[in-house]
Structure formats: structure tokens, C-alpha cells
């Protein structure tokens, strides 16, 4: 052994570790080792990790998942906005005492308990927390675990809720441009014109257009082909006033998409889509339910505006028919219900093989928003990620880590820290907990499995 070289290496490391030469000569071996290893990950071997607990913090309509381990490391994820936290809690008994770094193995255990729409939120939230945890254990960002990144910053598109006046709405869209956003989406639909006589046919049976009452048979709970609501020529002209006013304020160079058009059948959507063609719309979103792939293909081939759907689809299998039939021009998974980070990347890769681009839907907490940034960085055919909380003054306060504001000139920088690169600001989370909720309250009642889960004999 070359003792001179060993001594030089030690002194170099001591200097890097912050241990001055004079101090080295007058400290114990234990103190020297402690200083030299101060930046070393203190977690034991990943093979020794075990999941010991799952708890939830309900912030507004978003349940934030926290997975605890037998070491000083934890993972964070979201159950999708508007979903029940019990979608995640029922999975706790399936993953307790498991090694969280075996993400794909655990995903295969729990994936059967997810479903389309918000029902995918539990599986997705747990999967996200597993990746965050694994990144922290190995001290690498999630995008690296997904295969590396294609880009260093992620383009954001901003959602803009409706204003019931074309001119005022157009000015609101112009404010988004002034904020630096380079892609926007406007929520306009037939609810903006429903009180104008002669614009819609067959609204009477529904007595209104409330979409969140959850009552079977209401307008909001009836799939588009079955409402039999139709838009008239006058209705189309009233709708077009919104896009025409928008283009008076927003430069043509800025892509603008349209969402929430309403629950109408294929024919009305084709007529409306054609009316929007002169305004160079970036995409028309969720015109009809995603389940009707053949209708989507007919719709996409009938209009010269890109079509997009997918925020309620769970797993890659749910996208298969739409992609293989090229029924839509773009796909739009929400990682917080599609199955999590890796599953969303798989969905994007599958679409890319068929020449279809991917935008990402998101309307949950900043924890999964920054996780979606990693997915976007790691997926080649990515276009833009939705920001649904621009107008919420406390939303960004829920996390620490990335420099604020998160969005600058329409982009988010991909964080380089371990996991998704954020931690919770528990003081802010506590301030905005849903009424009567505790911060990560105990969940022992979910520790024991009570069913035989195998789906085959």
C-alpha cells in the first residue's frame, strides 16, 4: 500500500469534508470519520427497507399520501383531485412490510384495485410515493429512474375557467399571456349560452347543468350521446364569439385549446368543431367520452382541429384502442389517475410508437405536479403540462425545495434533487387541511387485509 498516496487522499477528502488540516491533527478518529462522511446517505442498504405506515393529509379536495419506512426516509404522492382517500388507504394492508424500492412488483400487486377516473387515484398516489421514496434512497431524481431526461425545463399550459362574457374572458386570456404562459386553455361550453333563447335543444329534461351533484340521470352524470342535447346554429354563433374575441387579444402565435364544451352527441360536436377551425385552436378536449373510440375516430377525421382525450383513463390498456385506431390526434393522461409516473411514461412511449403526441393533465397538489415534471422530462413525445392552480395564492406554499415561483416565463425547471425534489411545508399543509381533518392521522384500521385478492382459479 502506498502510504504517502493514502495520506494525500485522506487530506484531500478532509479538506472537501470541511476538516481543516490543523483540526485533523487534534481530533479523534471517530470525529474525523464523522466529518468525512457527513454527506453520505445515512439510510442502510435498500434491501433492508420496509414500509411501516401509510397516512393521508387531506388538503382541499386532494388527499396527499405519505409512506413511512423503518428508516429515516419517506415518500409523497397524491390521490387525484376529487377522489376518495380510501382508494389509497385500502391498499395499505397490501404493501405493509414490503420493500418500497420494488416499485414495479408492488404496482402489480395493487393495480387491480384501481379503475378509470378518480378510482385510479389510490393506486397512482401510492405508486408516486414509492418512486419518490426510491429516489430519495438512491439519491437520484425520479426522471433518472424513468430512464433519464429529454429536456431541462417543462412547458406549462394554463387552464382558464369560464367568464360569462366574451370580451371579459378574452381579457382574462390576455392576462395569461402577460404572465408569461405560452400555451393556454379556455373552458368554454354550452353552459355559457344556455340562458340565451334558441341556442340549445332538449335541455329541459335535466333542469340545469350541475355536473358535480352525483345524481344518476342528471345532466352531469349522463354520457354525451344519451343526453340528446343539440346545439343550434345560433348556439354555434354564440360560442364562436368567445374564440373570436380571444383571438383579438391573444396573438396567433400562442396556442389556445378549448375544454368543457358540454354533454352533446357526435353530430353537434362535429358542427361545433368545424366552426372553431378559423381560429387555429391547439386542441379540442374531451368532446365525447373516451370509451367511444370509433366515434372519436369519426370526429377526428371530420374536423380540422386536433382532438385530445385521456384524463380519466387508467393504465396503458385503456389507451390502446384510441391509439391503435389513431382515433385522436393527442393523448392526455393524468399521472395521478393513469397509474402513476412509470405507467404514464409507458403510455407516452406507446403513443409515440404510433405517431401521437402527449400532453399531461394535472389538477392536484404541487407534490404530484412536480412529479409530473419528471415524467414530462423523461418522455420523448411530451407537449405541455397543465397548471390548474395558477389563481390559488397558497398552492405553491404547500411545498419546499424548488425555487419559487415554480413557473417562470411559461416553463418549470426540472428539479435535480432526490425523488421528486420537494418536501412538504407541513405548517402550510396544516393551515389548509380540510375541515375536521388531522395532519397525517394514524390509520391502523387499514393495516389488516380482509379479502382474498387473486382474480383467477
Protein backbone atom coordinates (compact mmCIF):
# COMPACT_ATOMS: atom_id res chain seq x y z
CA UNK A 1 0.00 0.00 0.00
CA UNK A 2 1.34 3.46 -0.91
CA UNK A 3 1.10 5.26 2.45
CA UNK A 4 2.05 8.67 1.00
CA UNK A 5 -0.74 8.47 -1.57
CA UNK A 6 -3.22 7.27 1.06
CA UNK A 7 -2.32 10.20 3.27
CA UNK A 8 -2.73 12.64 0.37
CA UNK A 9 -6.15 11.14 -0.43
CA UNK A 10 -7.19 11.45 3.20
CA UNK A 11 -6.09 15.08 3.42
CA UNK A 12 -7.91 15.89 0.16
CA UNK A 13 -11.10 14.31 1.44
CA UNK A 14 -10.66 16.05 4.77
CA UNK A 15 -10.46 19.40 3.02
CA UNK A 16 -13.54 18.61 0.93
CA UNK A 17 -15.34 17.46 4.02
CA UNK A 18 -14.65 20.72 5.82
CA UNK A 19 -12.00 19.35 8.19
CA UNK A 20 -9.05 21.73 8.37
CA UNK A 21 -5.53 20.34 8.46
CA UNK A 22 -4.90 21.72 11.92
CA UNK A 23 -8.10 20.15 13.17
CA UNK A 24 -7.19 16.77 11.67
CA UNK A 25 -4.10 16.58 13.87
CA UNK A 26 -6.09 17.22 17.07
CA UNK A 27 -9.31 15.21 16.65
CA UNK A 28 -10.20 11.64 17.40
CA UNK A 29 -10.60 9.03 14.69
CA UNK A 30 -14.35 8.94 15.35
CA UNK A 31 -14.66 12.70 14.80
CA UNK A 32 -12.61 12.50 11.61
CA UNK A 33 -14.81 9.71 10.22
CA UNK A 34 -17.97 11.58 11.18
CA UNK A 35 -16.80 14.69 9.34
CA UNK A 36 -15.64 12.85 6.24
CA UNK A 37 -18.96 11.00 5.97
CA UNK A 38 -21.25 13.92 6.75
CA UNK A 39 -22.63 13.99 3.19
CA UNK A 40 -23.07 10.25 2.90
CA UNK A 41 -26.65 8.92 2.69
CA UNK A 42 -27.44 7.62 6.17
CA UNK A 43 -30.05 5.08 5.07
CA UNK A 44 -28.99 1.48 5.43
CA UNK A 45 -28.88 -0.91 2.49
CA UNK A 46 -32.01 -0.54 0.31
CA UNK A 47 -32.58 -4.28 0.70
CA UNK A 48 -33.36 -3.65 4.39
CA UNK A 49 -36.10 -1.07 3.78
CA UNK A 50 -39.66 -1.88 4.85
CA UNK A 51 -42.89 0.11 4.56
CA UNK A 52 -44.23 0.64 8.07
CA UNK A 53 -47.17 3.02 7.62
CA UNK A 54 -49.36 4.98 5.22
CA UNK A 55 -51.10 8.18 6.23
CA UNK A 56 -53.12 10.89 4.49
CA UNK A 57 -53.30 14.68 4.72
CA UNK A 58 -56.46 15.95 3.03
CA UNK A 59 -55.75 19.41 1.58
CA UNK A 60 -58.87 20.78 -0.04
CA UNK A 61 -60.07 18.09 -2.44
CA UNK A 62 -56.63 16.41 -2.74
CA UNK A 63 -55.52 13.61 -0.37
CA UNK A 64 -51.71 13.68 -0.02
CA UNK A 65 -50.20 10.24 0.64
CA UNK A 66 -47.19 9.72 2.90
CA UNK A 67 -45.45 6.35 3.06
CA UNK A 68 -43.27 5.73 6.12
CA UNK A 69 -40.41 3.22 6.41
CA UNK A 70 -38.25 1.62 9.09
CA UNK A 71 -35.54 4.13 8.20
CA UNK A 72 -35.44 7.91 8.15
CA UNK A 73 -36.93 8.19 4.66
CA UNK A 74 -40.49 8.58 3.38
CA UNK A 75 -42.32 9.09 0.09
CA UNK A 76 -45.06 11.50 -1.02
CA UNK A 77 -47.79 11.19 -3.64
CA UNK A 78 -51.33 12.40 -4.39
CA UNK A 79 -54.67 10.73 -4.72
CA UNK A 80 -56.24 12.61 -7.60
CA UNK A 81 -58.24 15.78 -7.00
CA UNK A 82 -61.82 14.99 -6.09
CA UNK A 83 -61.07 11.35 -5.28
CA UNK A 84 -61.71 9.50 -2.03
CA UNK A 85 -58.66 8.98 0.18
CA UNK A 86 -59.93 5.46 0.90
CA UNK A 87 -58.92 4.46 -2.63
CA UNK A 88 -55.36 4.67 -1.29
CA UNK A 89 -55.93 3.54 2.28
CA UNK A 90 -57.41 0.20 1.19
CA UNK A 91 -54.02 -0.58 -0.38
CA UNK A 92 -52.11 -0.16 2.87
CA UNK A 93 -52.51 -3.78 4.01
CA UNK A 94 -51.17 -4.98 0.64
CA UNK A 95 -47.86 -3.11 0.92
CA UNK A 96 -47.02 -3.07 4.64
CA UNK A 97 -43.63 -4.66 5.41
CA UNK A 98 -42.77 -4.68 1.69
CA UNK A 99 -39.61 -3.10 0.30
CA UNK A 100 -40.70 0.20 -1.30
CA UNK A 101 -37.86 0.09 -3.83
CA UNK A 102 -39.55 -2.84 -5.58
CA UNK A 103 -41.88 -0.39 -7.26
CA UNK A 104 -42.95 -2.50 -10.21
CA UNK A 105 -43.60 -5.55 -8.05
CA UNK A 106 -45.79 -3.55 -5.67
CA UNK A 107 -47.56 -1.88 -8.59
CA UNK A 108 -48.54 -5.29 -9.94
CA UNK A 109 -49.92 -6.21 -6.52
CA UNK A 110 -52.14 -3.12 -6.22
CA UNK A 111 -53.02 -2.21 -9.81
CA UNK A 112 -56.14 -4.42 -9.80
CA UNK A 113 -57.69 -2.12 -7.19
CA UNK A 114 -57.67 0.93 -9.47
CA UNK A 115 -60.17 1.98 -12.09
CA UNK A 116 -60.91 4.71 -14.58
CA UNK A 117 -61.43 8.29 -13.48
CA UNK A 118 -60.90 9.10 -9.83
CA UNK A 119 -60.89 5.40 -8.99
CA UNK A 120 -57.33 5.27 -10.34
CA UNK A 121 -56.19 7.85 -7.80
CA UNK A 122 -55.35 5.45 -4.98
CA UNK A 123 -53.05 3.19 -6.96
CA UNK A 124 -51.49 6.20 -8.66
CA UNK A 125 -50.85 8.03 -5.40
CA UNK A 126 -49.14 5.03 -3.84
CA UNK A 127 -47.04 4.43 -6.96
CA UNK A 128 -45.93 8.06 -6.91
CA UNK A 129 -44.94 7.86 -3.25
CA UNK A 130 -42.93 4.70 -3.98
CA UNK A 131 -40.93 6.43 -6.72
CA UNK A 132 -40.34 9.49 -4.55
CA UNK A 133 -39.12 7.23 -1.76
CA UNK A 134 -36.89 5.18 -4.04
CA UNK A 135 -35.30 8.32 -5.49
CA UNK A 136 -34.51 9.53 -2.00
CA UNK A 137 -32.95 6.18 -1.06
CA UNK A 138 -30.66 6.15 -4.09
CA UNK A 139 -30.18 9.94 -4.03
CA UNK A 140 -31.33 10.41 -7.64
CA UNK A 141 -34.24 12.33 -9.21
CA UNK A 142 -37.27 10.38 -10.40
CA UNK A 143 -36.61 11.26 -14.05
CA UNK A 144 -33.33 9.33 -13.79
CA UNK A 145 -35.18 6.27 -12.51
CA UNK A 146 -37.52 6.58 -15.52
CA UNK A 147 -34.62 6.45 -17.96
CA UNK A 148 -33.21 9.98 -17.98
CA UNK A 149 -34.46 13.27 -19.35
CA UNK A 150 -35.10 14.67 -22.80
CA UNK A 151 -35.38 18.28 -21.60
CA UNK A 152 -34.29 20.51 -18.72
CA UNK A 153 -37.46 22.57 -18.45
CA UNK A 154 -41.10 21.74 -18.95
CA UNK A 155 -43.58 23.82 -20.92
CA UNK A 156 -46.74 24.61 -18.98
CA UNK A 157 -50.22 25.24 -20.30
CA UNK A 158 -52.56 27.17 -18.04
CA UNK A 159 -56.22 26.35 -17.52
CA UNK A 160 -58.60 29.33 -17.51
CA UNK A 161 -62.14 28.92 -16.07
CA UNK A 162 -65.04 30.46 -17.94
CA UNK A 163 -66.20 34.04 -17.67
CA UNK A 164 -69.73 34.58 -18.96
CA UNK A 165 -68.88 37.39 -21.34
CA UNK A 166 -66.71 37.02 -24.48
CA UNK A 167 -64.88 40.34 -24.05
CA UNK A 168 -64.11 39.87 -20.36
CA UNK A 169 -62.99 36.31 -20.98
CA UNK A 170 -60.70 37.42 -23.79
CA UNK A 171 -59.09 39.99 -21.49
CA UNK A 172 -58.57 37.30 -18.88
CA UNK A 173 -56.80 35.20 -21.50
CA UNK A 174 -54.62 38.19 -22.39
CA UNK A 175 -53.61 38.41 -18.72
CA UNK A 176 -52.31 34.82 -19.00
CA UNK A 177 -50.09 35.88 -21.89
CA UNK A 178 -48.82 38.80 -19.82
CA UNK A 179 -47.97 36.30 -17.05
CA UNK A 180 -45.62 34.57 -19.49
CA UNK A 181 -47.61 31.49 -20.42
CA UNK A 182 -47.03 30.26 -23.97
CA UNK A 183 -49.88 27.70 -24.19
CA UNK A 184 -53.34 28.26 -22.76
CA UNK A 185 -56.68 26.53 -22.45
CA UNK A 186 -60.07 28.19 -22.17
CA UNK A 187 -63.04 26.47 -20.53
CA UNK A 188 -65.99 27.42 -22.68
CA UNK A 189 -69.11 25.39 -23.18
CA UNK A 190 -72.82 25.38 -23.64
CA UNK A 191 -73.43 26.45 -20.03
CA UNK A 192 -72.30 29.92 -21.19
CA UNK A 193 -75.16 30.12 -23.69
CA UNK A 194 -77.88 28.01 -22.03
CA UNK A 195 -79.88 31.08 -20.96
CA UNK A 196 -79.92 32.57 -24.48
CA UNK A 197 -83.18 31.54 -26.23
CA UNK A 198 -82.80 29.45 -29.36
CA UNK A 199 -79.28 28.12 -28.70
CA UNK A 200 -79.91 24.59 -27.40
CA UNK A 201 -82.41 21.81 -27.94
CA UNK A 202 -83.58 19.29 -25.31
CA UNK A 203 -82.15 20.86 -22.15
CA UNK A 204 -85.50 20.81 -20.35
CA UNK A 205 -85.38 17.19 -19.03
CA UNK A 206 -82.30 17.96 -16.95
CA UNK A 207 -83.46 21.11 -15.18
CA UNK A 208 -79.95 22.57 -15.18
CA UNK A 209 -76.34 21.63 -15.92
CA UNK A 210 -74.87 20.92 -12.49
CA UNK A 211 -72.04 18.47 -13.12
CA UNK A 212 -70.99 17.63 -9.56
CA UNK A 213 -74.23 16.59 -7.86
CA UNK A 214 -73.53 12.90 -8.43
CA UNK A 215 -77.17 12.07 -9.08
CA UNK A 216 -77.66 9.31 -11.63
CA UNK A 217 -79.65 10.56 -14.60
CA UNK A 218 -78.72 14.22 -14.13
CA UNK A 219 -77.09 16.13 -16.97
CA UNK A 220 -73.68 15.94 -15.33
CA UNK A 221 -73.93 12.18 -14.82
CA UNK A 222 -75.26 11.31 -18.30
CA UNK A 223 -72.77 10.42 -21.06
CA UNK A 224 -72.80 12.71 -24.06
CA UNK A 225 -74.60 10.51 -26.64
CA UNK A 226 -77.54 9.94 -24.28
CA UNK A 227 -78.48 13.50 -23.27
CA UNK A 228 -79.74 14.15 -26.83
CA UNK A 229 -78.86 17.80 -26.25
CA UNK A 230 -78.14 19.55 -29.56
CA UNK A 231 -76.64 22.93 -30.34
CA UNK A 232 -78.41 25.15 -32.86
CA UNK A 233 -76.83 27.37 -35.48
CA UNK A 234 -77.49 30.34 -33.21
CA UNK A 235 -75.81 28.47 -30.37
CA UNK A 236 -72.74 27.85 -32.51
CA UNK A 237 -72.56 31.54 -33.41
CA UNK A 238 -72.74 32.49 -29.72
CA UNK A 239 -69.95 30.03 -28.88
CA UNK A 240 -67.74 31.32 -31.67
CA UNK A 241 -67.97 34.82 -30.19
CA UNK A 242 -65.69 33.60 -27.39
CA UNK A 243 -62.96 32.33 -29.71
CA UNK A 244 -63.22 35.37 -31.97
CA UNK A 245 -62.86 37.73 -29.01
CA UNK A 246 -59.96 35.68 -27.67
CA UNK A 247 -58.06 36.00 -30.95
CA UNK A 248 -58.50 39.76 -30.81
CA UNK A 249 -56.50 39.76 -27.56
CA UNK A 250 -54.20 36.72 -27.80
CA UNK A 251 -51.54 36.62 -30.55
CA UNK A 252 -51.99 33.94 -33.17
CA UNK A 253 -48.54 32.63 -32.28
CA UNK A 254 -49.90 31.45 -28.91
CA UNK A 255 -51.62 28.02 -28.98
CA UNK A 256 -55.02 28.03 -27.28
CA UNK A 257 -57.03 24.87 -26.54
CA UNK A 258 -60.71 24.51 -25.60
CA UNK A 259 -62.27 22.28 -22.92
CA UNK A 260 -65.62 21.62 -21.18
CA UNK A 261 -67.77 22.13 -24.27
CA UNK A 262 -70.68 20.18 -22.81
CA UNK A 263 -72.53 16.88 -22.98
CA UNK A 264 -73.68 16.66 -26.60
CA UNK A 265 -73.54 13.90 -29.18
CA UNK A 266 -71.17 13.33 -32.08
CA UNK A 267 -73.07 15.39 -34.68
CA UNK A 268 -73.23 18.55 -32.58
CA UNK A 269 -69.53 18.23 -31.72
CA UNK A 270 -68.59 17.92 -35.39
CA UNK A 271 -70.58 21.06 -36.25
CA UNK A 272 -69.04 22.98 -33.37
CA UNK A 273 -65.54 21.75 -34.14
CA UNK A 274 -65.80 22.93 -37.73
CA UNK A 275 -66.93 26.36 -36.52
CA UNK A 276 -63.73 26.70 -34.47
CA UNK A 277 -61.42 25.88 -37.40
CA UNK A 278 -60.73 29.50 -38.47
CA UNK A 279 -59.23 30.29 -35.03
CA UNK A 280 -56.37 27.80 -35.14
CA UNK A 281 -57.29 26.01 -31.91
CA UNK A 282 -54.49 23.89 -30.41
CA UNK A 283 -56.87 21.06 -29.49
CA UNK A 284 -60.45 20.32 -28.53
CA UNK A 285 -60.58 18.31 -25.32
CA UNK A 286 -62.95 15.56 -24.18
CA UNK A 287 -65.61 16.28 -26.79
CA UNK A 288 -67.22 12.90 -26.12
CA UNK A 289 -66.47 10.14 -23.57
CA UNK A 290 -63.12 8.44 -24.17
CA UNK A 291 -64.76 4.99 -24.27
CA UNK A 292 -66.22 5.56 -27.77
CA UNK A 293 -63.09 5.07 -29.88
CA UNK A 294 -64.95 4.64 -33.18
CA UNK A 295 -66.88 7.87 -32.62
CA UNK A 296 -63.63 9.64 -31.75
CA UNK A 297 -62.08 8.45 -34.99
CA UNK A 298 -65.05 9.73 -36.99
CA UNK A 299 -64.92 13.03 -35.13
CA UNK A 300 -61.18 13.47 -35.63
CA UNK A 301 -61.49 12.80 -39.36
CA UNK A 302 -64.41 15.21 -39.72
CA UNK A 303 -62.79 18.37 -38.37
CA UNK A 304 -59.52 20.21 -38.96
CA UNK A 305 -58.84 20.88 -35.29
CA UNK A 306 -56.66 18.48 -33.26
CA UNK A 307 -58.60 16.24 -30.87
CA UNK A 308 -57.46 15.13 -27.42
CA UNK A 309 -58.72 12.95 -24.56
CA UNK A 310 -57.47 10.71 -21.76
CA UNK A 311 -57.52 12.37 -18.33
CA UNK A 312 -59.91 9.71 -16.99
CA UNK A 313 -58.19 6.65 -18.47
CA UNK A 314 -56.47 4.19 -16.13
CA UNK A 315 -53.40 2.25 -17.35
CA UNK A 316 -51.90 1.87 -20.79
CA UNK A 317 -54.52 -0.73 -21.73
CA UNK A 318 -57.19 1.96 -21.53
CA UNK A 319 -55.44 3.97 -24.25
CA UNK A 320 -54.79 1.03 -26.56
CA UNK A 321 -57.85 1.27 -28.82
CA UNK A 322 -57.72 5.08 -29.14
CA UNK A 323 -54.03 4.95 -30.08
CA UNK A 324 -54.03 1.93 -32.35
CA UNK A 325 -57.03 3.25 -34.28
CA UNK A 326 -55.48 6.74 -34.37
CA UNK A 327 -58.86 7.91 -33.09
CA UNK A 328 -57.39 11.06 -31.52
CA UNK A 329 -54.59 13.42 -32.51
CA UNK A 330 -53.14 13.66 -28.99
CA UNK A 331 -53.48 11.80 -25.71
CA UNK A 332 -53.92 13.44 -22.33
CA UNK A 333 -53.27 11.16 -19.34
CA UNK A 334 -53.30 12.44 -15.79
CA UNK A 335 -50.50 10.62 -13.95
CA UNK A 336 -52.48 11.00 -10.72
CA UNK A 337 -55.14 8.64 -12.08
CA UNK A 338 -53.46 6.87 -15.03
CA UNK A 339 -51.38 4.66 -12.72
CA UNK A 340 -48.56 6.95 -11.64
CA UNK A 341 -45.24 8.09 -13.06
CA UNK A 342 -43.88 4.99 -14.79
CA UNK A 343 -47.25 3.95 -16.19
CA UNK A 344 -47.71 7.42 -17.70
CA UNK A 345 -44.29 7.22 -19.34
CA UNK A 346 -45.28 3.83 -20.78
CA UNK A 347 -48.48 5.38 -22.12
CA UNK A 348 -46.48 8.18 -23.73
CA UNK A 349 -43.97 5.77 -25.26
CA UNK A 350 -46.81 3.64 -26.64
CA UNK A 351 -48.44 6.69 -28.25
CA UNK A 352 -45.11 7.82 -29.68
CA UNK A 353 -44.75 4.48 -31.46
CA UNK A 354 -47.98 5.35 -33.29
CA UNK A 355 -47.06 8.94 -34.09
CA UNK A 356 -49.26 10.53 -31.43
CA UNK A 357 -48.13 13.31 -29.07
CA UNK A 358 -48.88 13.55 -25.35
CA UNK A 359 -49.97 16.43 -23.14
CA UNK A 360 -50.40 15.88 -19.40
CA UNK A 361 -53.47 16.74 -17.35
CA UNK A 362 -52.98 17.80 -13.73
CA UNK A 363 -55.21 19.41 -11.09
CA UNK A 364 -53.87 18.06 -7.77
CA UNK A 365 -51.23 19.26 -5.28
CA UNK A 366 -47.76 20.66 -6.09
CA UNK A 367 -46.27 17.35 -4.88
CA UNK A 368 -47.56 15.41 -7.87
CA UNK A 369 -47.26 18.47 -10.12
CA UNK A 370 -43.50 18.38 -9.66
CA UNK A 371 -43.62 14.60 -10.09
CA UNK A 372 -45.37 15.17 -13.43
CA UNK A 373 -42.49 17.47 -14.35
CA UNK A 374 -40.19 14.44 -14.03
CA UNK A 375 -42.50 12.34 -16.24
CA UNK A 376 -42.58 15.11 -18.83
CA UNK A 377 -38.80 15.36 -18.77
CA UNK A 378 -38.44 11.60 -19.30
CA UNK A 379 -40.96 11.19 -22.15
CA UNK A 380 -40.00 11.98 -25.73
CA UNK A 381 -43.37 12.93 -27.25
CA UNK A 382 -44.39 15.31 -24.46
CA UNK A 383 -46.01 18.64 -25.45
CA UNK A 384 -47.20 20.51 -22.34
CA UNK A 385 -48.23 20.01 -18.70
CA UNK A 386 -51.38 21.55 -17.26
CA UNK A 387 -51.24 24.01 -14.35
CA UNK A 388 -54.68 24.15 -12.76
CA UNK A 389 -53.88 26.29 -9.68
CA UNK A 390 -52.40 29.49 -11.07
CA UNK A 391 -55.07 31.55 -9.31
CA UNK A 392 -54.59 29.81 -5.93
CA UNK A 393 -52.34 32.09 -3.80
CA UNK A 394 -51.29 29.40 -1.28
CA UNK A 395 -50.87 26.38 -3.60
CA UNK A 396 -47.10 26.72 -4.05
CA UNK A 397 -46.64 27.26 -0.31
CA UNK A 398 -47.51 23.62 0.34
CA UNK A 399 -44.01 22.50 -0.72
CA UNK A 400 -40.40 23.47 -0.14
CA UNK A 401 -37.38 22.75 -2.31
CA UNK A 402 -37.75 24.27 -5.79
CA UNK A 403 -37.22 27.98 -6.27
CA UNK A 404 -40.47 29.96 -6.32
CA UNK A 405 -42.40 30.79 -8.34
CA UNK A 406 -42.41 27.33 -9.87
CA UNK A 407 -43.49 28.61 -13.30
CA UNK A 408 -41.30 31.24 -14.96
CA UNK A 409 -41.99 32.53 -18.45
CA UNK A 410 -44.26 29.56 -19.07
CA UNK A 411 -41.80 26.85 -18.00
CA UNK A 412 -40.81 24.86 -14.90
CA UNK A 413 -37.22 23.84 -14.35
CA UNK A 414 -36.76 20.09 -13.85
CA UNK A 415 -35.56 19.64 -10.24
CA UNK A 416 -32.32 17.76 -9.71
CA UNK A 417 -32.83 16.73 -6.10
CA UNK A 418 -33.63 13.19 -4.99
CA UNK A 419 -37.12 11.79 -5.58
CA UNK A 420 -39.48 14.37 -7.00
CA UNK A 421 -37.31 17.08 -5.44
CA UNK A 422 -39.81 18.56 -2.97
CA UNK A 423 -40.73 18.31 0.69
CA UNK A 424 -43.97 19.30 2.38
CA UNK A 425 -44.29 22.58 4.20
CA UNK A 426 -46.28 20.96 6.98
CA UNK A 427 -47.20 24.31 8.54
CA UNK A 428 -48.88 25.40 5.30
CA UNK A 429 -50.45 21.97 4.82
CA UNK A 430 -51.88 22.09 8.34
CA UNK A 431 -53.31 25.55 7.67
CA UNK A 432 -55.21 24.31 4.62
CA UNK A 433 -56.35 20.89 5.81
CA UNK A 434 -59.94 20.05 5.07
CA UNK A 435 -62.23 20.82 7.98
CA UNK A 436 -62.09 18.25 10.81
CA UNK A 437 -59.02 16.56 9.28
CA UNK A 438 -55.75 15.87 11.11
CA UNK A 439 -52.28 16.09 9.62
CA UNK A 440 -51.30 12.52 8.73
CA UNK A 441 -53.55 10.97 11.36
CA UNK A 442 -52.96 7.29 12.30
CA UNK A 443 -54.60 4.71 10.02
CA UNK A 444 -54.22 1.44 11.95
CA UNK A 445 -57.72 0.32 10.95
CA UNK A 446 -56.33 -0.24 7.43
CA UNK A 447 -53.43 -2.46 8.50
CA UNK A 448 -55.11 -5.85 8.07
CA UNK A 449 -56.13 -7.41 4.80
CA UNK A 450 -59.64 -8.82 4.81
CA UNK A 451 -60.00 -10.34 1.36
CA UNK A 452 -58.57 -12.94 -1.00
CA UNK A 453 -57.31 -10.81 -3.88
CA UNK A 454 -56.45 -13.34 -6.58
CA UNK A 455 -58.59 -12.88 -9.69
CA UNK A 456 -58.13 -16.34 -11.20
CA UNK A 457 -58.55 -20.00 -10.17
